[in-house]
């Protein structure tokens, strides 16, 4: 699927009109329609706003059903994004430490095998 098709699918899933979404992200209606028709891709700053407005990921808008993250992981990222800034930093450090530990354990197990 193209970016335009992914934009349309995500917008329609949220039952938002092109005009309403264009207003929400502060672009002209014809500009947004052009993005959905693949006339040109939306700029990164607008892509971020579209993803937020449609409660989806940029990955999903760019790659559609071929996006690399499972729905479970996308849900975890959505929950992470809702954390307060200080808590987010703490969670980030904890996740990095946990991943490092799991990767080290996996590498040791691989070496032992």
C-alpha atoms as a PDB file:
ATOM      1  CA  UNK A   1       0.000   0.000   0.000  1.00  0.00           C
ATOM      2  CA  UNK A   2       1.097   3.565  -0.612  1.00  0.00           C
ATOM      3  CA  UNK A   3       1.372   6.299   2.014  1.00  0.00           C
ATOM      4  CA  UNK A   4      -1.755   7.901   0.569  1.00  0.00           C
ATOM      5  CA  UNK A   5      -3.698   4.651   0.866  1.00  0.00           C
ATOM      6  CA  UNK A   6      -2.460   4.191   4.433  1.00  0.00           C
ATOM      7  CA  UNK A   7      -3.503   7.752   5.328  1.00  0.00           C
ATOM      8  CA  UNK A   8      -6.970   7.187   3.897  1.00  0.00           C
ATOM      9  CA  UNK A   9      -7.402   3.819   5.625  1.00  0.00           C
ATOM     10  CA  UNK A  10      -6.347   5.203   9.021  1.00  0.00           C
ATOM     11  CA  UNK A  11      -8.538   8.301   8.622  1.00  0.00           C
ATOM     12  CA  UNK A  12     -11.575   6.307   7.605  1.00  0.00           C
ATOM     13  CA  UNK A  13     -11.062   3.889  10.501  1.00  0.00           C
ATOM     14  CA  UNK A  14     -11.411   6.888  12.834  1.00  0.00           C
ATOM     15  CA  UNK A  15     -14.399   8.182  10.838  1.00  0.00           C
ATOM     16  CA  UNK A  16     -12.838  11.612  10.321  1.00  0.00           C
ATOM     17  CA  UNK A  17     -13.412  13.586   7.133  1.00  0.00           C
ATOM     18  CA  UNK A  18     -10.511  14.839   5.059  1.00  0.00           C
ATOM     19  CA  UNK A  19     -11.529  18.415   5.818  1.00  0.00           C
ATOM     20  CA  UNK A  20     -11.730  17.814   9.587  1.00  0.00           C
ATOM     21  CA  UNK A  21      -8.312  16.157   9.647  1.00  0.00           C
ATOM     22  CA  UNK A  22      -6.795  18.905   7.497  1.00  0.00           C
ATOM     23  CA  UNK A  23      -8.121  21.528   9.915  1.00  0.00           C
ATOM     24  CA  UNK A  24      -6.856  19.559  12.910  1.00  0.00           C
ATOM     25  CA  UNK A  25      -3.304  19.485  11.518  1.00  0.00           C
ATOM     26  CA  UNK A  26      -3.487  23.038  10.156  1.00  0.00           C
ATOM     27  CA  UNK A  27      -3.189  22.423   6.396  1.00  0.00           C
ATOM     28  CA  UNK A  28      -5.463  23.225   3.507  1.00  0.00           C
ATOM     29  CA  UNK A  29      -8.007  20.634   2.443  1.00  0.00           C
ATOM     30  CA  UNK A  30      -6.566  20.334  -1.058  1.00  0.00           C
ATOM     31  CA  UNK A  31      -3.086  19.787   0.400  1.00  0.00           C
ATOM     32  CA  UNK A  32      -4.339  16.897   2.505  1.00  0.00           C
ATOM     33  CA  UNK A  33      -6.323  15.407  -0.407  1.00  0.00           C
ATOM     34  CA  UNK A  34      -3.114  15.505  -2.455  1.00  0.00           C
ATOM     35  CA  UNK A  35      -1.350  13.458   0.203  1.00  0.00           C
ATOM     36  CA  UNK A  36      -4.085  10.810   0.124  1.00  0.00           C
ATOM     37  CA  UNK A  37      -3.880  10.720  -3.677  1.00  0.00           C
ATOM     38  CA  UNK A  38      -0.080  10.317  -3.513  1.00  0.00           C
ATOM     39  CA  UNK A  39       0.500  13.586  -5.357  1.00  0.00           C
ATOM     40  CA  UNK A  40       3.287  14.134  -2.855  1.00  0.00           C
ATOM     41  CA  UNK A  41       4.035  12.787   0.634  1.00  0.00           C
ATOM     42  CA  UNK A  42       3.270  14.803   3.756  1.00  0.00           C
ATOM     43  CA  UNK A  43       6.264  16.442   5.435  1.00  0.00           C
ATOM     44  CA  UNK A  44       7.544  14.803   8.623  1.00  0.00           C
ATOM     45  CA  UNK A  45       6.108  17.450  10.959  1.00  0.00           C
ATOM     46  CA  UNK A  46       2.621  16.946   9.497  1.00  0.00           C
ATOM     47  CA  UNK A  47       3.013  13.163   9.499  1.00  0.00           C
ATOM     48  CA  UNK A  48       3.585  13.343  13.260  1.00  0.00           C
ATOM     49  CA  UNK A  49       0.432  15.422  13.708  1.00  0.00           C
ATOM     50  CA  UNK A  50      -1.589  13.045  11.520  1.00  0.00           C
ATOM     51  CA  UNK A  51      -0.409  10.023  13.532  1.00  0.00           C
ATOM     52  CA  UNK A  52      -1.369  11.791  16.768  1.00  0.00           C
ATOM     53  CA  UNK A  53      -4.758  12.877  15.434  1.00  0.00           C
ATOM     54  CA  UNK A  54      -5.548   9.379  14.176  1.00  0.00           C
ATOM     55  CA  UNK A  55      -4.065   7.680  17.252  1.00  0.00           C
ATOM     56  CA  UNK A  56      -1.747   5.521  15.185  1.00  0.00           C
ATOM     57  CA  UNK A  57       1.980   5.294  14.564  1.00  0.00           C
ATOM     58  CA  UNK A  58       4.057   6.921  11.881  1.00  0.00           C
ATOM     59  CA  UNK A  59       5.268   3.403  11.083  1.00  0.00           C
ATOM     60  CA  UNK A  60       1.674   2.360  10.366  1.00  0.00           C
ATOM     61  CA  UNK A  61       1.092   5.412   8.154  1.00  0.00           C
ATOM     62  CA  UNK A  62       4.271   4.809   6.184  1.00  0.00           C
ATOM     63  CA  UNK A  63       4.181   1.026   5.906  1.00  0.00           C
ATOM     64  CA  UNK A  64       0.553   0.092   6.601  1.00  0.00           C
ATOM     65  CA  UNK A  65      -0.125  -3.534   7.322  1.00  0.00           C
ATOM     66  CA  UNK A  66       3.536  -4.287   6.680  1.00  0.00           C
ATOM     67  CA  UNK A  67       4.606  -2.166   9.635  1.00  0.00           C
ATOM     68  CA  UNK A  68       7.254  -3.890  11.692  1.00  0.00           C
ATOM     69  CA  UNK A  69       5.560  -3.663  15.078  1.00  0.00           C
ATOM     70  CA  UNK A  70       2.861  -5.972  16.352  1.00  0.00           C
ATOM     71  CA  UNK A  71      -0.347  -4.500  17.719  1.00  0.00           C
ATOM     72  CA  UNK A  72       0.798  -5.479  21.215  1.00  0.00           C
ATOM     73  CA  UNK A  73       4.025  -3.471  20.810  1.00  0.00           C
ATOM     74  CA  UNK A  74       2.168  -0.480  19.335  1.00  0.00           C
ATOM     75  CA  UNK A  75      -0.131  -0.555  22.370  1.00  0.00           C
ATOM     76  CA  UNK A  76       2.880  -0.533  24.693  1.00  0.00           C
ATOM     77  CA  UNK A  77       4.361   2.454  22.842  1.00  0.00           C
ATOM     78  CA  UNK A  78       1.020   4.307  23.062  1.00  0.00           C
ATOM     79  CA  UNK A  79       0.931   3.687  26.803  1.00  0.00           C
ATOM     80  CA  UNK A  80       4.559   4.811  27.099  1.00  0.00           C
ATOM     81  CA  UNK A  81       3.792   8.063  25.254  1.00  0.00           C
ATOM     82  CA  UNK A  82       1.064   8.900  27.795  1.00  0.00           C
ATOM     83  CA  UNK A  83       3.489   8.755  30.732  1.00  0.00           C
ATOM     84  CA  UNK A  84       4.599  12.032  32.364  1.00  0.00           C
ATOM     85  CA  UNK A  85       8.000  13.258  31.143  1.00  0.00           C
ATOM     86  CA  UNK A  86       9.907  12.332  34.321  1.00  0.00           C
ATOM     87  CA  UNK A  87       8.360   8.897  34.460  1.00  0.00           C
ATOM     88  CA  UNK A  88       9.083   8.410  30.761  1.00  0.00           C
ATOM     89  CA  UNK A  89      12.810   9.002  31.338  1.00  0.00           C
ATOM     90  CA  UNK A  90      12.816   6.551  34.245  1.00  0.00           C
ATOM     91  CA  UNK A  91      10.953   3.928  32.174  1.00  0.00           C
ATOM     92  CA  UNK A  92      13.397   4.430  29.288  1.00  0.00           C
ATOM     93  CA  UNK A  93      16.379   3.751  31.573  1.00  0.00           C
ATOM     94  CA  UNK A  94      14.701   0.672  33.056  1.00  0.00           C
ATOM     95  CA  UNK A  95      13.863  -0.718  29.617  1.00  0.00           C
ATOM     96  CA  UNK A  96      17.405  -0.206  28.374  1.00  0.00           C
ATOM     97  CA  UNK A  97      18.822  -1.987  31.433  1.00  0.00           C
ATOM     98  CA  UNK A  98      16.365  -4.865  31.082  1.00  0.00           C
ATOM     99  CA  UNK A  99      17.070  -5.285  27.355  1.00  0.00           C
ATOM    100  CA  UNK A 100      20.828  -5.204  27.967  1.00  0.00           C
ATOM    101  CA  UNK A 101      20.443  -7.906  30.611  1.00  0.00           C
ATOM    102  CA  UNK A 102      18.276 -10.087  28.351  1.00  0.00           C
ATOM    103  CA  UNK A 103      20.645  -9.644  25.393  1.00  0.00           C
ATOM    104  CA  UNK A 104      23.663 -10.518  27.557  1.00  0.00           C
ATOM    105  CA  UNK A 105      21.900 -13.615  28.897  1.00  0.00           C
ATOM    106  CA  UNK A 106      20.947 -14.722  25.383  1.00  0.00           C
ATOM    107  CA  UNK A 107      24.515 -14.199  24.137  1.00  0.00           C
ATOM    108  CA  UNK A 108      25.930 -16.242  27.060  1.00  0.00           C
ATOM    109  CA  UNK A 109      23.448 -19.046  26.425  1.00  0.00           C
ATOM    110  CA  UNK A 110      24.410 -19.027  22.745  1.00  0.00           C
ATOM    111  CA  UNK A 111      28.114 -19.199  23.609  1.00  0.00           C
ATOM    112  CA  UNK A 112      27.514 -22.099  26.011  1.00  0.00           C
ATOM    113  CA  UNK A 113      25.613 -24.083  23.373  1.00  0.00           C
END
